[in-house]
C-alpha cells in the first residue's frame, strides 16, 4: 500500500534526523554555557520566541496550503497545482516584507523583554535573527508542496546532513573562539544553502512549475482558500502567542537567566516531542488522504487508533522524563545549579503529555479542513494564559507560568476541538471521547505516581550508567503496566496488528 509505505519511509528518515539533532543540540548547549555563559542561552530563547510571534502569519498559510494541495496532487491536476504555487509564492514574498517591518518596529522594545541583560552586542544578535526569519520565507512554499505529496523524507535527509554539519561547526566555533555572533552567522549561511538545494530538487521533481504562464484560479478554489488562511491565521496567532508568551513573561518578570534555565528543560522536552510527533506528522498526510477518500466510520477508527498510540507513547515518555529529567540535568549534563525542582518538572512534563493526547483530534480537525468554527478560541486561550501567567509568576516563579498555560488549555481547547470534530465529522456523542480521555488520564497519573515513588525508594547515586539502567527499567515497567491495563482492548489489538503488518511489509 503506497500510503503506508511513504508514511514508514518518512518516519524512519525523521527518527535518524532527530537522534542526530538531539545529541548535537545537547552538546551545543553545554558548550554554549561553558564558553559564553547562561545569559546568551536566555537571549537565544527570548529572541527565538519574539520571532516565533513575528512569523506567526506563515503558519496559517502553510497548513492551508498543504490541505489545498491534497486534492490536485491526488488527481495529478498540474494546472491547479501551478496556480496554487503561484498564489503561495506571492503570499510568502508579502510575508517576508511584513516580517521585516514588524522586526524593525520591535527594536525599541527589546530592553523590556530582556530583563537583567548585560550583553553588549544584543542589537547585532537581534538583526541576525531578523535576517534569518526574512530569508526563510523565500522558499517555504516549495517545501510544503513536497510534504503534501508525502515526500517529507527528501527534505528530512537534506536537513539531517546540513544540521549535523552546521552543529559540529557551531560547537567548534563556541569551543575555540567563544564567539556567539559567528555561531549565528554560520546558521544563516547553512539555512540559505539548504533552502536553495531543496528548491532546486522540487523544481526538478515538478518541472511544470517553471512554466511562466499565469494561472487564474477558479472562485471555488480561491474562496475557501482565503477563508481557511484567515481562520488558521487567527487560530495560530493565539497558539503561538500562548507558547511564546511563557518565555517572554519569564524574561520580563524574572530574568533572562531564568529563561536560560527553563529552556534547558524545554530543549529536552521539545526533542522528545519532536520524536513522538514523527508518528503524527508522518501519518498527517495519510489522515488527510483518508478524510478525502474514505468513510466517516473508517476515519473514526483511524482516529481512535491514533489516540491510543499517542496515549501509549506519550505516557512512556512523560513518566520517563518526570523521573529522570532533573537527575540528568543536575548530575550528568550541566550541574546542580541548573535544576528546576519537582513541581516545575511535573508541570513541564504534564503540559507535554496534554499536548500529546490532544494532538490526534487536532490532526483530524486540520485534515478535515475544520478551521473556521473555532478560529477565535486559541486567541481567548492565549489571553487567559497570559493573564494567569502574569498573576502566578511572582509567587510560584516558572511553575506559575506553566500553571497559566495548562489551565488555559483545559478551560478552552481541550473540549471545544473534540466537540467540533465529533459534531461535524464523526456525527457522534462527545461523551464517547471524554470516556476515553478520562480513562487515559487516570492511567497516566497512576503510572507516574507509582514509578516516581519506586525510584525515590531505590535512590541510587546518579551517574550515566545508572541513568541508562533506570531509563530501561522505567521503559519495561511502564509498558508492562499499560499492557495489564489495556492489553485486552480493541485498540491494543489494532496496535499489534499494525506492528505485525509493518514487520511483514519490511
Protein backbone atom coordinates (compact mmCIF):
# COMPACT_ATOMS: atom_id res chain seq x y z
CA UNK A 1 0.00 0.00 0.00
CA UNK A 2 1.68 3.18 -1.26
CA UNK A 3 0.31 5.42 1.53
CA UNK A 4 1.64 3.15 4.33
CA UNK A 5 5.00 2.77 2.58
CA UNK A 6 5.52 6.53 2.25
CA UNK A 7 4.46 7.05 5.89
CA UNK A 8 7.02 4.44 7.01
CA UNK A 9 9.88 5.96 4.95
CA UNK A 10 9.03 9.45 6.29
CA UNK A 11 9.06 8.09 9.87
CA UNK A 12 12.44 6.35 9.52
CA UNK A 13 14.08 9.41 7.95
CA UNK A 14 12.78 11.63 10.76
CA UNK A 15 13.90 9.22 13.51
CA UNK A 16 17.51 9.31 12.31
CA UNK A 17 17.30 13.09 11.94
CA UNK A 18 16.01 13.56 15.50
CA UNK A 19 18.66 11.35 17.15
CA UNK A 20 21.49 13.26 15.43
CA UNK A 21 19.98 16.69 16.14
CA UNK A 22 19.22 15.91 19.82
CA UNK A 23 22.71 14.62 20.62
CA UNK A 24 24.46 17.51 18.91
CA UNK A 25 21.97 20.00 20.39
CA UNK A 26 22.73 18.85 23.95
CA UNK A 27 26.49 19.15 23.33
CA UNK A 28 25.95 22.58 21.74
CA UNK A 29 24.05 23.92 24.81
CA UNK A 30 26.67 22.60 27.22
CA UNK A 31 29.47 24.23 25.18
CA UNK A 32 27.43 27.47 24.95
CA UNK A 33 27.04 27.67 28.76
CA UNK A 34 30.75 26.91 29.29
CA UNK A 35 32.05 29.28 26.64
CA UNK A 36 29.73 32.34 26.52
CA UNK A 37 27.52 31.83 29.63
CA UNK A 38 23.89 31.14 30.51
CA UNK A 39 22.87 34.72 29.65
CA UNK A 40 23.42 34.10 25.93
CA UNK A 41 21.29 30.98 26.28
CA UNK A 42 18.49 33.13 27.73
CA UNK A 43 18.79 35.76 24.96
CA UNK A 44 18.72 32.98 22.39
CA UNK A 45 15.47 31.63 23.93
CA UNK A 46 13.77 35.05 24.15
CA UNK A 47 14.67 36.11 20.59
CA UNK A 48 13.54 32.78 19.19
CA UNK A 49 10.18 33.49 20.82
CA UNK A 50 9.99 37.07 19.56
CA UNK A 51 10.50 35.79 16.00
CA UNK A 52 8.04 32.97 16.51
CA UNK A 53 5.44 35.65 17.26
CA UNK A 54 6.51 37.84 14.33
CA UNK A 55 6.43 34.91 11.91
CA UNK A 56 3.08 33.52 13.04
CA UNK A 57 1.31 34.68 9.87
CA UNK A 58 3.13 31.92 7.98
CA UNK A 59 1.59 29.06 9.93
CA UNK A 60 -1.89 29.80 8.61
CA UNK A 61 -0.72 29.83 5.01
CA UNK A 62 1.45 26.72 5.43
CA UNK A 63 -1.32 24.47 6.79
CA UNK A 64 -3.99 25.76 4.36
CA UNK A 65 -1.53 25.25 1.53
CA UNK A 66 -0.83 21.59 2.31
CA UNK A 67 -4.60 20.99 2.73
CA UNK A 68 -5.46 22.67 -0.61
CA UNK A 69 -2.80 20.62 -2.44
CA UNK A 70 -4.06 17.14 -1.36
CA UNK A 71 -6.82 17.02 -4.00
CA UNK A 72 -4.96 18.37 -7.09
CA UNK A 73 -1.95 16.14 -6.24
CA UNK A 74 -4.20 13.07 -5.96
CA UNK A 75 -5.81 13.97 -9.31
CA UNK A 76 -2.44 14.97 -10.87
CA UNK A 77 -4.00 18.29 -11.89
CA UNK A 78 -0.86 20.23 -12.92
CA UNK A 79 -2.79 23.37 -13.92
CA UNK A 80 -4.34 23.83 -10.46
CA UNK A 81 -1.07 22.91 -8.66
CA UNK A 82 0.73 25.56 -10.73
CA UNK A 83 -1.93 28.17 -9.90
CA UNK A 84 -1.79 27.38 -6.19
CA UNK A 85 2.01 27.57 -6.16
CA UNK A 86 1.97 30.97 -7.88
CA UNK A 87 -0.51 32.18 -5.26
CA UNK A 88 1.67 30.89 -2.41
CA UNK A 89 4.87 32.33 -3.85
CA UNK A 90 3.28 35.79 -3.89
CA UNK A 91 1.88 35.29 -0.36
CA UNK A 92 5.27 34.33 1.03
CA UNK A 93 7.01 37.30 -0.56
CA UNK A 94 4.42 39.62 1.07
CA UNK A 95 5.08 37.78 4.34
CA UNK A 96 8.83 38.33 4.09
CA UNK A 97 8.21 42.10 3.70
CA UNK A 98 5.76 42.07 6.64
CA UNK A 99 8.27 40.21 8.86
CA UNK A 100 11.00 42.75 8.04
CA UNK A 101 8.74 45.70 9.00
CA UNK A 102 7.44 44.01 12.18
CA UNK A 103 11.01 43.12 13.18
CA UNK A 104 12.16 46.73 12.82
CA UNK A 105 9.18 48.00 14.85
CA UNK A 106 10.14 45.64 17.73
CA UNK A 107 13.67 47.08 18.15
CA UNK A 108 12.81 49.83 20.72
CA UNK A 109 11.02 47.27 22.95
CA UNK A 110 13.98 44.87 23.32
CA UNK A 111 15.03 46.13 26.81
CA UNK A 112 11.51 45.28 28.10
CA UNK A 113 11.87 41.63 27.04
CA UNK A 114 15.46 41.22 28.21
CA UNK A 115 15.37 41.98 31.95
CA UNK A 116 18.81 41.85 33.60
CA UNK A 117 20.59 41.62 30.22
CA UNK A 118 24.23 42.82 30.26
CA UNK A 119 25.33 41.51 26.85
CA UNK A 120 26.82 44.29 24.68
CA UNK A 121 26.04 43.15 21.14
CA UNK A 122 22.32 42.37 21.64
CA UNK A 123 21.30 44.53 18.67
CA UNK A 124 23.63 42.71 16.22
CA UNK A 125 22.27 39.38 17.51
CA UNK A 126 18.69 40.66 17.01
CA UNK A 127 19.34 41.73 13.39
CA UNK A 128 20.90 38.34 12.59
CA UNK A 129 17.71 36.66 13.87
CA UNK A 130 15.64 39.06 11.75
CA UNK A 131 17.65 38.31 8.58
CA UNK A 132 17.24 34.56 9.22
CA UNK A 133 13.44 34.94 9.60
CA UNK A 134 13.00 37.05 6.43
CA UNK A 135 15.12 34.85 4.13
CA UNK A 136 13.47 31.61 5.31
CA UNK A 137 10.19 32.69 3.64
CA UNK A 138 11.59 32.83 0.15
CA UNK A 139 11.49 29.03 -0.34
CA UNK A 140 8.98 27.63 2.18
CA UNK A 141 6.18 27.18 -0.37
CA UNK A 142 8.24 24.61 -2.29
CA UNK A 143 8.91 22.57 0.86
CA UNK A 144 5.14 22.47 1.53
CA UNK A 145 4.40 21.06 -1.94
CA UNK A 146 6.97 18.33 -1.35
CA UNK A 147 5.41 17.48 2.05
CA UNK A 148 1.81 17.45 0.76
CA UNK A 149 2.94 14.86 -1.80
CA UNK A 150 4.17 12.73 1.15
CA UNK A 151 7.85 13.07 0.20
CA UNK A 152 8.97 14.58 3.52
CA UNK A 153 11.88 12.14 3.72
CA UNK A 154 13.67 14.05 0.92
CA UNK A 155 13.68 17.27 2.97
CA UNK A 156 14.46 15.28 6.15
CA UNK A 157 17.59 13.67 4.64
CA UNK A 158 18.88 17.07 3.44
CA UNK A 159 18.06 18.57 6.87
CA UNK A 160 19.88 15.77 8.71
CA UNK A 161 23.07 16.22 6.67
CA UNK A 162 23.06 20.02 6.90
CA UNK A 163 22.04 20.15 10.59
CA UNK A 164 24.78 17.67 11.52
CA UNK A 165 27.40 19.70 9.66
CA UNK A 166 26.23 23.03 10.99
CA UNK A 167 26.02 21.84 14.63
CA UNK A 168 29.56 20.41 14.51
CA UNK A 169 30.90 23.69 13.05
CA UNK A 170 28.90 25.77 15.59
CA UNK A 171 30.17 23.70 18.54
CA UNK A 172 33.76 24.16 17.28
CA UNK A 173 33.26 27.95 16.94
CA UNK A 174 31.93 28.26 20.50
CA UNK A 175 34.59 25.98 21.92
CA UNK A 176 37.63 27.54 20.23
CA UNK A 177 36.59 31.18 19.59
CA UNK A 178 33.79 31.71 22.16
CA UNK A 179 32.07 33.90 19.56
CA UNK A 180 28.25 33.88 19.54
CA UNK A 181 27.95 36.23 16.52
CA UNK A 182 29.94 33.87 14.25
CA UNK A 183 27.90 30.99 15.73
CA UNK A 184 24.65 32.64 14.47
CA UNK A 185 26.12 33.67 11.10
CA UNK A 186 27.06 30.05 10.29
CA UNK A 187 23.43 29.09 10.92
CA UNK A 188 22.17 31.69 8.43
CA UNK A 189 24.61 30.66 5.69
CA UNK A 190 23.72 26.97 6.03
CA UNK A 191 19.97 27.67 6.09
CA UNK A 192 20.18 29.65 2.86
CA UNK A 193 22.24 26.92 1.19
CA UNK A 194 19.84 24.19 2.37
CA UNK A 195 16.78 26.09 1.10
CA UNK A 196 18.41 26.60 -2.30
CA UNK A 197 19.15 22.86 -2.59
CA UNK A 198 15.56 21.89 -1.64
CA UNK A 199 14.18 24.49 -4.06
CA UNK A 200 16.32 23.02 -6.87
CA UNK A 201 15.15 19.44 -6.09
CA UNK A 202 11.46 20.47 -6.08
CA UNK A 203 11.94 22.23 -9.44
CA UNK A 204 13.39 19.00 -10.86
CA UNK A 205 10.52 16.88 -9.43
CA UNK A 206 7.78 19.23 -10.70
CA UNK A 207 9.20 20.72 -13.92
CA UNK A 208 5.82 22.25 -14.90
CA UNK A 209 6.31 24.82 -12.07
CA UNK A 210 8.95 26.57 -14.19
CA UNK A 211 6.29 27.44 -16.77
CA UNK A 212 5.82 31.22 -16.61
CA UNK A 213 2.17 31.20 -17.81
CA UNK A 214 -0.02 32.96 -15.22
CA UNK A 215 -2.83 30.76 -13.88
CA UNK A 216 -6.09 32.32 -12.70
CA UNK A 217 -7.64 30.10 -10.00
CA UNK A 218 -11.40 29.46 -10.00
CA UNK A 219 -13.55 31.08 -7.32
CA UNK A 220 -14.42 27.59 -5.96
CA UNK A 221 -10.72 27.08 -5.15
CA UNK A 222 -9.83 30.65 -4.17
CA UNK A 223 -12.69 31.50 -1.79
CA UNK A 224 -12.32 28.51 0.58
CA UNK A 225 -8.56 29.08 0.49
CA UNK A 226 -8.84 32.70 1.66
CA UNK A 227 -11.37 31.66 4.30
CA UNK A 228 -9.09 28.86 5.62
CA UNK A 229 -5.98 31.07 5.66
CA UNK A 230 -7.85 33.74 7.61
CA UNK A 231 -9.22 31.22 10.14
CA UNK A 232 -5.86 29.46 10.51
CA UNK A 233 -4.04 32.74 10.92
CA UNK A 234 -6.34 33.80 13.78
CA UNK A 235 -6.09 30.32 15.34
CA UNK A 236 -2.31 30.09 15.07
CA UNK A 237 -1.95 33.65 16.35
CA UNK A 238 -3.48 32.50 19.64
CA UNK A 239 -1.50 29.28 19.78
CA UNK A 240 1.86 30.95 19.12
CA UNK A 241 1.25 33.89 21.47
CA UNK A 242 0.38 31.27 24.10
CA UNK A 243 3.59 29.26 23.54
CA UNK A 244 5.92 32.23 23.12
CA UNK A 245 4.44 34.31 25.94
CA UNK A 246 5.76 31.82 28.54
CA UNK A 247 9.39 32.71 27.85
CA UNK A 248 8.59 36.42 27.47
CA UNK A 249 6.78 36.51 30.84
CA UNK A 250 9.70 34.68 32.50
CA UNK A 251 12.32 37.02 30.96
CA UNK A 252 10.43 40.27 31.64
CA UNK A 253 9.16 39.36 35.17
CA UNK A 254 12.04 37.18 36.45
CA UNK A 255 15.24 37.43 34.34
CA UNK A 256 17.00 36.41 31.13
CA UNK A 257 18.96 33.81 33.13
CA UNK A 258 15.66 32.17 34.27
CA UNK A 259 14.78 31.71 30.59
CA UNK A 260 18.15 30.00 30.11
CA UNK A 261 17.44 27.54 32.96
CA UNK A 262 13.88 26.88 31.78
CA UNK A 263 15.00 26.44 28.17
CA UNK A 264 17.40 23.64 29.19
CA UNK A 265 14.38 21.59 30.24
CA UNK A 266 12.21 22.63 27.29
CA UNK A 267 15.05 21.70 24.90
CA UNK A 268 14.85 18.10 26.11
CA UNK A 269 11.03 18.18 26.15
CA UNK A 270 10.84 19.52 22.59
CA UNK A 271 13.39 16.91 21.48
CA UNK A 272 11.15 14.19 22.95
CA UNK A 273 8.12 15.94 21.48
CA UNK A 274 9.70 16.01 18.01
CA UNK A 275 10.48 12.32 18.40
CA UNK A 276 6.92 11.27 19.14
CA UNK A 277 5.43 13.77 16.71
CA UNK A 278 7.21 11.85 13.98
CA UNK A 279 4.32 9.39 14.16
CA UNK A 280 1.70 12.13 13.98
CA UNK A 281 3.27 14.24 11.23
CA UNK A 282 4.21 11.24 9.10
CA UNK A 283 0.63 10.00 9.24
CA UNK A 284 -0.87 13.51 8.91
CA UNK A 285 -0.83 13.43 5.11
CA UNK A 286 -2.25 9.88 5.30
CA UNK A 287 -5.11 11.12 7.51
CA UNK A 288 -5.74 13.95 5.03
CA UNK A 289 -5.82 11.35 2.29
CA UNK A 290 -8.23 9.14 4.31
CA UNK A 291 -10.59 12.05 5.11
CA UNK A 292 -10.73 12.87 1.39
CA UNK A 293 -11.30 9.31 0.17
CA UNK A 294 -12.80 7.10 2.92
CA UNK A 295 -15.97 6.77 5.03
CA UNK A 296 -16.54 8.65 8.31
CA UNK A 297 -16.58 5.29 10.11
CA UNK A 298 -13.13 4.44 8.78
CA UNK A 299 -11.71 7.86 9.67
CA UNK A 300 -13.14 7.44 13.21
CA UNK A 301 -11.39 4.08 13.51
CA UNK A 302 -8.08 5.64 12.34
CA UNK A 303 -8.57 8.45 14.89
CA UNK A 304 -9.17 6.05 17.81
CA UNK A 305 -6.07 4.12 16.78
CA UNK A 306 -4.01 7.34 16.69
CA UNK A 307 -5.35 8.47 20.07
CA UNK A 308 -4.45 5.16 21.72
CA UNK A 309 -0.96 5.04 20.18
CA UNK A 310 -0.35 8.67 21.21
CA UNK A 311 -1.51 7.95 24.76
CA UNK A 312 0.80 4.93 24.99
CA UNK A 313 3.90 6.66 23.57
CA UNK A 314 3.38 9.94 25.49
CA UNK A 315 2.78 8.06 28.78
CA UNK A 316 6.06 6.15 28.43
CA UNK A 317 7.98 9.34 27.50
CA UNK A 318 6.34 11.60 30.11
CA UNK A 319 6.82 9.16 33.01
CA UNK A 320 10.46 8.59 31.97
CA UNK A 321 11.13 12.32 31.77
CA UNK A 322 9.44 13.14 35.07
CA UNK A 323 11.64 10.56 36.83
CA UNK A 324 14.92 11.27 35.00
CA UNK A 325 14.93 14.86 33.69
CA UNK A 326 16.26 16.59 36.84
CA UNK A 327 18.86 13.86 37.65
CA UNK A 328 20.09 14.13 34.03
CA UNK A 329 20.35 17.95 34.10
CA UNK A 330 21.88 18.15 37.60
CA UNK A 331 24.24 15.15 37.67
CA UNK A 332 25.24 14.41 34.08
CA UNK A 333 24.64 17.29 31.69
CA UNK A 334 25.00 20.70 33.35
CA UNK A 335 25.28 20.70 37.17
CA UNK A 336 23.25 21.08 40.42
CA UNK A 337 22.60 24.84 39.98
CA UNK A 338 20.67 24.15 36.74
CA UNK A 339 17.87 22.02 38.32
CA UNK A 340 14.28 23.35 38.48
CA UNK A 341 12.63 21.31 41.25
CA UNK A 342 9.83 18.71 41.38
CA UNK A 343 6.73 20.89 40.88
CA UNK A 344 8.14 22.74 37.83
CA UNK A 345 9.38 19.47 36.30
CA UNK A 346 5.98 17.81 36.84
CA UNK A 347 4.16 20.75 35.19
CA UNK A 348 6.56 20.81 32.21
CA UNK A 349 6.03 17.06 31.70
CA UNK A 350 2.24 17.20 32.19
CA UNK A 351 2.00 20.03 29.65
CA UNK A 352 3.94 17.80 27.20
CA UNK A 353 1.54 14.87 27.88
CA UNK A 354 -1.52 17.11 27.45
CA UNK A 355 -0.26 18.29 24.02
CA UNK A 356 0.30 14.67 23.03
CA UNK A 357 -3.15 13.47 23.95
CA UNK A 358 -4.76 16.49 22.20
CA UNK A 359 -2.70 16.05 19.00
CA UNK A 360 -4.84 13.35 17.25
CA UNK A 361 -8.05 15.42 17.48
CA UNK A 362 -6.14 18.43 16.13
CA UNK A 363 -4.70 16.29 13.35
CA UNK A 364 -8.14 15.04 12.23
CA UNK A 365 -9.60 18.56 12.56
CA UNK A 366 -6.88 20.01 10.29
CA UNK A 367 -7.11 17.15 7.77
CA UNK A 368 -10.89 17.61 7.53
CA UNK A 369 -10.41 21.36 6.94
CA UNK A 370 -12.42 22.38 10.06
CA UNK A 371 -10.70 25.71 10.63
CA UNK A 372 -13.41 28.34 10.66
CA UNK A 373 -15.72 27.40 13.56
CA UNK A 374 -13.27 27.77 16.45
CA UNK A 375 -10.97 30.40 14.97
CA UNK A 376 -11.21 32.74 18.00
CA UNK A 377 -10.73 30.06 20.69
CA UNK A 378 -6.88 30.00 20.55
CA UNK A 379 -6.81 33.80 20.96
CA UNK A 380 -9.09 33.56 24.02
CA UNK A 381 -6.84 30.75 25.39
CA UNK A 382 -3.70 32.86 24.75
CA UNK A 383 -5.18 35.87 26.57
CA UNK A 384 -6.22 33.68 29.51
CA UNK A 385 -2.74 32.09 29.54
CA UNK A 386 -1.03 35.49 29.58
CA UNK A 387 -3.24 36.88 32.40
CA UNK A 388 -2.85 33.75 34.59
CA UNK A 389 0.92 33.55 33.93
CA UNK A 390 1.44 37.18 34.98
CA UNK A 391 -0.75 36.60 38.10
CA UNK A 392 1.11 33.46 39.21
CA UNK A 393 4.71 34.20 38.12
CA UNK A 394 5.78 36.28 41.15
CA UNK A 395 4.51 33.78 43.73
CA UNK A 396 5.33 30.47 42.00
CA UNK A 397 8.12 31.62 39.62
CA UNK A 398 8.44 29.40 36.49
CA UNK A 399 5.83 26.94 37.86
CA UNK A 400 3.28 29.82 37.92
CA UNK A 401 3.75 30.43 34.20
CA UNK A 402 3.18 26.72 33.49
CA UNK A 403 0.02 26.66 35.64
CA UNK A 404 -1.33 29.50 33.47
CA UNK A 405 -0.56 27.54 30.29
CA UNK A 406 -2.17 24.28 31.49
CA UNK A 407 -5.32 25.91 32.94
CA UNK A 408 -5.93 27.90 29.72
CA UNK A 409 -5.61 24.72 27.61
CA UNK A 410 -8.02 22.70 29.76
CA UNK A 411 -10.53 25.57 30.01
CA UNK A 412 -10.90 26.01 26.23
CA UNK A 413 -9.13 23.91 23.54
CA UNK A 414 -9.37 20.64 25.49
CA UNK A 415 -13.12 20.24 24.90
CA UNK A 416 -14.00 22.65 22.05
CA UNK A 417 -11.83 20.90 19.40
CA UNK A 418 -13.34 17.44 20.07
CA UNK A 419 -16.83 18.98 20.19
CA UNK A 420 -16.42 20.26 16.61
CA UNK A 421 -14.84 17.08 15.23
CA UNK A 422 -17.44 14.80 16.83
CA UNK A 423 -20.35 17.01 15.75
CA UNK A 424 -19.25 17.94 12.20
CA UNK A 425 -17.15 14.97 11.07
CA UNK A 426 -17.87 11.85 13.16
CA UNK A 427 -21.54 12.69 13.95
CA UNK A 428 -21.11 11.06 17.38
CA UNK A 429 -21.66 11.94 21.06
CA UNK A 430 -18.87 13.93 22.69
CA UNK A 431 -19.26 11.73 25.80
CA UNK A 432 -17.59 8.84 23.89
CA UNK A 433 -14.45 10.95 23.55
CA UNK A 434 -14.27 12.03 27.19
CA UNK A 435 -14.82 8.49 28.49
CA UNK A 436 -11.62 7.53 26.58
CA UNK A 437 -9.68 10.64 27.66
CA UNK A 438 -10.54 10.36 31.38
CA UNK A 439 -9.59 6.67 31.32
CA UNK A 440 -6.22 7.59 29.75
CA UNK A 441 -5.58 10.49 32.18
CA UNK A 442 -6.26 8.32 35.25
CA UNK A 443 -3.89 5.64 33.92
CA UNK A 444 -1.20 8.28 33.26
CA UNK A 445 -1.37 9.83 36.76
CA UNK A 446 -1.40 6.40 38.44
CA UNK A 447 1.62 5.11 36.49
CA UNK A 448 3.55 8.35 37.03
CA UNK A 449 2.98 8.38 40.83
CA UNK A 450 3.91 4.69 41.10
CA UNK A 451 7.12 4.97 39.02
CA UNK A 452 8.33 8.15 40.75
CA UNK A 453 7.74 6.73 44.27
CA UNK A 454 9.52 3.47 43.37
CA UNK A 455 12.64 5.32 42.06
CA UNK A 456 12.66 7.57 45.14
CA UNK A 457 12.78 4.44 47.34
CA UNK A 458 15.66 2.91 45.36
CA UNK A 459 17.57 6.26 45.47
CA UNK A 460 20.87 5.23 43.82
CA UNK A 461 23.91 7.51 43.39
CA UNK A 462 23.27 9.02 39.92
CA UNK A 463 25.76 8.59 37.07
CA UNK A 464 25.40 7.94 33.33
CA UNK A 465 25.20 4.12 33.68
CA UNK A 466 22.59 4.33 36.48
CA UNK A 467 20.56 6.82 34.39
CA UNK A 468 20.52 4.41 31.42
CA UNK A 469 19.57 1.45 33.67
CA UNK A 470 16.78 3.43 35.35
CA UNK A 471 15.57 4.52 31.91
CA UNK A 472 15.41 0.90 30.71
CA UNK A 473 13.65 -0.13 33.95
CA UNK A 474 11.01 2.62 33.52
CA UNK A 475 10.54 1.62 29.87
CA UNK A 476 9.89 -2.02 30.81
CA UNK A 477 7.71 -1.34 33.88
CA UNK A 478 5.52 1.35 32.23
CA UNK A 479 4.92 -0.84 29.16
CA UNK A 480 4.02 -3.83 31.37
CA UNK A 481 1.52 -1.75 33.41
CA UNK A 482 -0.02 -0.36 30.20
CA UNK A 483 -0.30 -3.90 28.83
CA UNK A 484 -2.00 -5.11 32.06
CA UNK A 485 -4.47 -2.19 31.88
CA UNK A 486 -5.17 -2.13 28.13
CA UNK A 487 -3.96 -5.49 26.73
CA UNK A 488 -7.50 -6.81 26.25
CA UNK A 489 -8.91 -3.73 24.47
CA UNK A 490 -9.75 -3.49 20.75
CA UNK A 491 -7.32 -0.52 20.46
CA UNK A 492 -4.44 -2.67 21.70
CA UNK A 493 -5.31 -5.45 19.20
CA UNK A 494 -5.33 -2.82 16.42
CA UNK A 495 -1.92 -1.60 17.55
CA UNK A 496 -0.48 -5.13 17.50
CA UNK A 497 -1.99 -5.70 14.05
CA UNK A 498 -0.33 -2.50 12.82
CA UNK A 499 3.08 -3.54 14.23
CA UNK A 500 2.80 -7.04 12.66
CA UNK A 501 1.91 -5.58 9.26
CA UNK A 502 4.85 -3.14 9.46
CA UNK A 503 7.25 -6.02 10.24
CA UNK A 504 5.83 -8.17 7.39
CA UNK A 505 5.98 -5.33 4.85
CA UNK A 506 9.69 -4.88 5.60
